[in-house]
Amino acid sequence: MTIAEVGNIIEFQDGLKGRVEKINENSVIVDLTIMDNFESLEIPEKTVVNHKRYTIISNEG
């Protein structure tokens, strides 16, 4: 299992994408505001995602 780094873009849960802001032991904290359709989704700006539940799609960090 590859663990994301701060700044990476990850994808999880039915296509949601976000930028990793913090890495915890079992999860990452992700900023979701990078998505073009963020405003229309009515979801929180940040969320926690378990390391087992995401895919790294960009290594910008």
N, C-alpha and C. Protein backbone atom coordinates (compact mmCIF):
# COMPACT_ATOMS: atom_id res chain seq x y z
N MET A 1 0.85 -1.18 0.00
CA MET A 1 0.00 0.00 0.00
C MET A 1 0.89 1.25 0.00
N THR A 2 0.65 2.13 -0.96
CA THR A 2 1.39 3.38 -1.04
C THR A 2 0.62 4.46 -0.29
N ILE A 3 1.30 5.15 0.61
CA ILE A 3 0.66 6.20 1.39
C ILE A 3 0.91 7.54 0.71
N ALA A 4 -0.13 8.34 0.57
CA ALA A 4 -0.03 9.65 -0.06
C ALA A 4 0.84 10.58 0.77
N GLU A 5 1.37 11.60 0.10
CA GLU A 5 2.15 12.64 0.76
C GLU A 5 1.37 13.95 0.70
N VAL A 6 1.75 14.89 1.56
CA VAL A 6 1.11 16.20 1.55
C VAL A 6 1.24 16.81 0.16
N GLY A 7 0.13 17.30 -0.37
CA GLY A 7 0.11 17.90 -1.69
C GLY A 7 -0.38 16.98 -2.79
N ASN A 8 -0.37 15.66 -2.55
CA ASN A 8 -0.87 14.71 -3.55
C ASN A 8 -2.36 14.90 -3.76
N ILE A 9 -2.81 14.61 -4.97
CA ILE A 9 -4.24 14.58 -5.27
C ILE A 9 -4.66 13.12 -5.22
N ILE A 10 -5.72 12.84 -4.46
CA ILE A 10 -6.21 11.46 -4.35
C ILE A 10 -7.66 11.40 -4.81
N GLU A 11 -8.07 10.19 -5.17
CA GLU A 11 -9.47 9.94 -5.55
C GLU A 11 -10.01 8.87 -4.63
N PHE A 12 -11.27 9.03 -4.23
CA PHE A 12 -11.88 8.09 -3.30
C PHE A 12 -13.39 8.17 -3.44
N GLN A 13 -14.10 7.22 -2.90
CA GLN A 13 -15.56 7.20 -2.77
C GLN A 13 -16.30 7.78 -3.97
N ASP A 14 -16.48 6.98 -5.01
CA ASP A 14 -17.28 7.35 -6.18
C ASP A 14 -16.77 8.59 -6.91
N GLY A 15 -15.46 8.74 -7.03
CA GLY A 15 -14.90 9.80 -7.85
C GLY A 15 -14.60 11.12 -7.17
N LEU A 16 -14.79 11.22 -5.87
CA LEU A 16 -14.41 12.46 -5.18
C LEU A 16 -12.90 12.60 -5.21
N LYS A 17 -12.44 13.85 -5.36
CA LYS A 17 -11.00 14.11 -5.41
C LYS A 17 -10.65 15.20 -4.42
N GLY A 18 -9.43 15.13 -3.90
CA GLY A 18 -8.99 16.15 -2.98
C GLY A 18 -7.48 16.18 -2.85
N ARG A 19 -6.97 17.28 -2.29
CA ARG A 19 -5.54 17.46 -2.05
C ARG A 19 -5.23 17.11 -0.60
N VAL A 20 -4.23 16.25 -0.40
CA VAL A 20 -3.84 15.82 0.95
C VAL A 20 -3.21 16.99 1.70
N GLU A 21 -3.74 17.27 2.90
CA GLU A 21 -3.21 18.35 3.73
C GLU A 21 -2.43 17.84 4.93
N LYS A 22 -2.81 16.67 5.44
CA LYS A 22 -2.13 16.13 6.61
C LYS A 22 -2.19 14.61 6.55
N ILE A 23 -1.14 13.98 7.03
CA ILE A 23 -1.06 12.52 7.05
C ILE A 23 -1.10 12.05 8.50
N ASN A 24 -2.03 11.16 8.79
CA ASN A 24 -2.14 10.55 10.11
C ASN A 24 -1.69 9.10 10.00
N GLU A 25 -1.68 8.40 11.11
CA GLU A 25 -1.22 7.01 11.11
C GLU A 25 -2.04 6.11 10.19
N ASN A 26 -3.36 6.25 10.23
CA ASN A 26 -4.24 5.38 9.45
C ASN A 26 -5.05 6.10 8.38
N SER A 27 -4.84 7.41 8.23
CA SER A 27 -5.68 8.18 7.31
C SER A 27 -4.99 9.46 6.87
N VAL A 28 -5.64 10.15 5.93
CA VAL A 28 -5.19 11.47 5.50
C VAL A 28 -6.35 12.45 5.64
N ILE A 29 -6.02 13.72 5.83
CA ILE A 29 -7.02 14.78 5.81
C ILE A 29 -6.92 15.44 4.45
N VAL A 30 -8.08 15.57 3.78
CA VAL A 30 -8.12 15.98 2.39
C VAL A 30 -8.96 17.25 2.22
N ASP A 31 -8.44 18.19 1.41
CA ASP A 31 -9.18 19.40 1.04
C ASP A 31 -9.92 19.11 -0.26
N LEU A 32 -11.25 19.18 -0.21
CA LEU A 32 -12.08 18.84 -1.36
C LEU A 32 -12.38 20.03 -2.27
N THR A 33 -11.99 21.23 -1.88
CA THR A 33 -12.36 22.43 -2.65
C THR A 33 -11.66 22.51 -4.00
N ILE A 34 -10.74 21.61 -4.30
CA ILE A 34 -10.06 21.63 -5.61
C ILE A 34 -10.96 21.12 -6.73
N MET A 35 -12.06 20.44 -6.39
CA MET A 35 -12.95 19.91 -7.42
C MET A 35 -13.73 21.05 -8.07
N ASP A 36 -13.86 21.00 -9.40
CA ASP A 36 -14.59 22.05 -10.13
C ASP A 36 -16.04 22.16 -9.68
N ASN A 37 -16.65 21.03 -9.34
CA ASN A 37 -18.07 21.02 -8.97
C ASN A 37 -18.28 21.03 -7.46
N PHE A 38 -17.28 21.45 -6.69
CA PHE A 38 -17.37 21.41 -5.23
C PHE A 38 -18.59 22.15 -4.70
N GLU A 39 -18.85 23.37 -5.19
CA GLU A 39 -19.96 24.18 -4.68
C GLU A 39 -21.31 23.48 -4.86
N SER A 40 -21.50 22.77 -5.95
CA SER A 40 -22.78 22.13 -6.22
C SER A 40 -22.99 20.84 -5.42
N LEU A 41 -21.93 20.30 -4.85
CA LEU A 41 -22.03 19.02 -4.13
C LEU A 41 -22.57 19.17 -2.70
N GLU A 42 -22.44 20.36 -2.13
CA GLU A 42 -22.91 20.61 -0.76
C GLU A 42 -22.31 19.62 0.23
N ILE A 43 -20.99 19.54 0.22
CA ILE A 43 -20.25 18.68 1.14
C ILE A 43 -19.26 19.54 1.91
N PRO A 44 -18.75 19.04 3.05
CA PRO A 44 -17.76 19.81 3.82
C PRO A 44 -16.48 20.06 3.00
N GLU A 45 -15.74 21.10 3.38
CA GLU A 45 -14.50 21.43 2.67
C GLU A 45 -13.41 20.38 2.86
N LYS A 46 -13.40 19.73 4.02
CA LYS A 46 -12.36 18.74 4.32
C LYS A 46 -12.99 17.46 4.82
N THR A 47 -12.26 16.37 4.64
CA THR A 47 -12.71 15.08 5.13
C THR A 47 -11.50 14.21 5.46
N VAL A 48 -11.75 13.12 6.16
CA VAL A 48 -10.72 12.16 6.53
C VAL A 48 -10.94 10.90 5.70
N VAL A 49 -9.86 10.37 5.12
CA VAL A 49 -9.95 9.17 4.28
C VAL A 49 -8.90 8.17 4.75
N ASN A 50 -9.35 6.94 5.01
CA ASN A 50 -8.45 5.86 5.41
C ASN A 50 -7.48 5.54 4.27
N HIS A 51 -6.24 5.18 4.62
CA HIS A 51 -5.23 4.86 3.62
C HIS A 51 -5.68 3.75 2.66
N LYS A 52 -6.52 2.85 3.13
CA LYS A 52 -6.98 1.73 2.30
C LYS A 52 -8.05 2.14 1.30
N ARG A 53 -8.58 3.36 1.41
CA ARG A 53 -9.76 3.75 0.64
C ARG A 53 -9.51 4.80 -0.44
N TYR A 54 -8.25 5.08 -0.78
CA TYR A 54 -8.00 6.07 -1.82
C TYR A 54 -6.95 5.59 -2.81
N THR A 55 -6.90 6.29 -3.95
CA THR A 55 -5.91 6.06 -4.98
C THR A 55 -5.21 7.38 -5.26
N ILE A 56 -3.89 7.39 -5.31
CA ILE A 56 -3.15 8.60 -5.64
C ILE A 56 -3.25 8.82 -7.14
N ILE A 57 -3.74 10.00 -7.55
CA ILE A 57 -3.85 10.26 -8.98
C ILE A 57 -2.86 11.32 -9.47
N SER A 58 -2.25 12.07 -8.56
CA SER A 58 -1.25 13.06 -8.94
C SER A 58 -0.28 13.27 -7.79
N ASN A 59 1.00 13.27 -8.12
CA ASN A 59 2.04 13.45 -7.12
C ASN A 59 2.56 14.89 -7.12
N GLU A 60 1.68 15.85 -7.01
CA GLU A 60 2.09 17.26 -7.06
C GLU A 60 2.87 17.68 -5.83
N GLY A 61 2.76 16.91 -4.74
CA GLY A 61 3.40 17.29 -3.50
C GLY A 61 4.88 17.10 -3.57
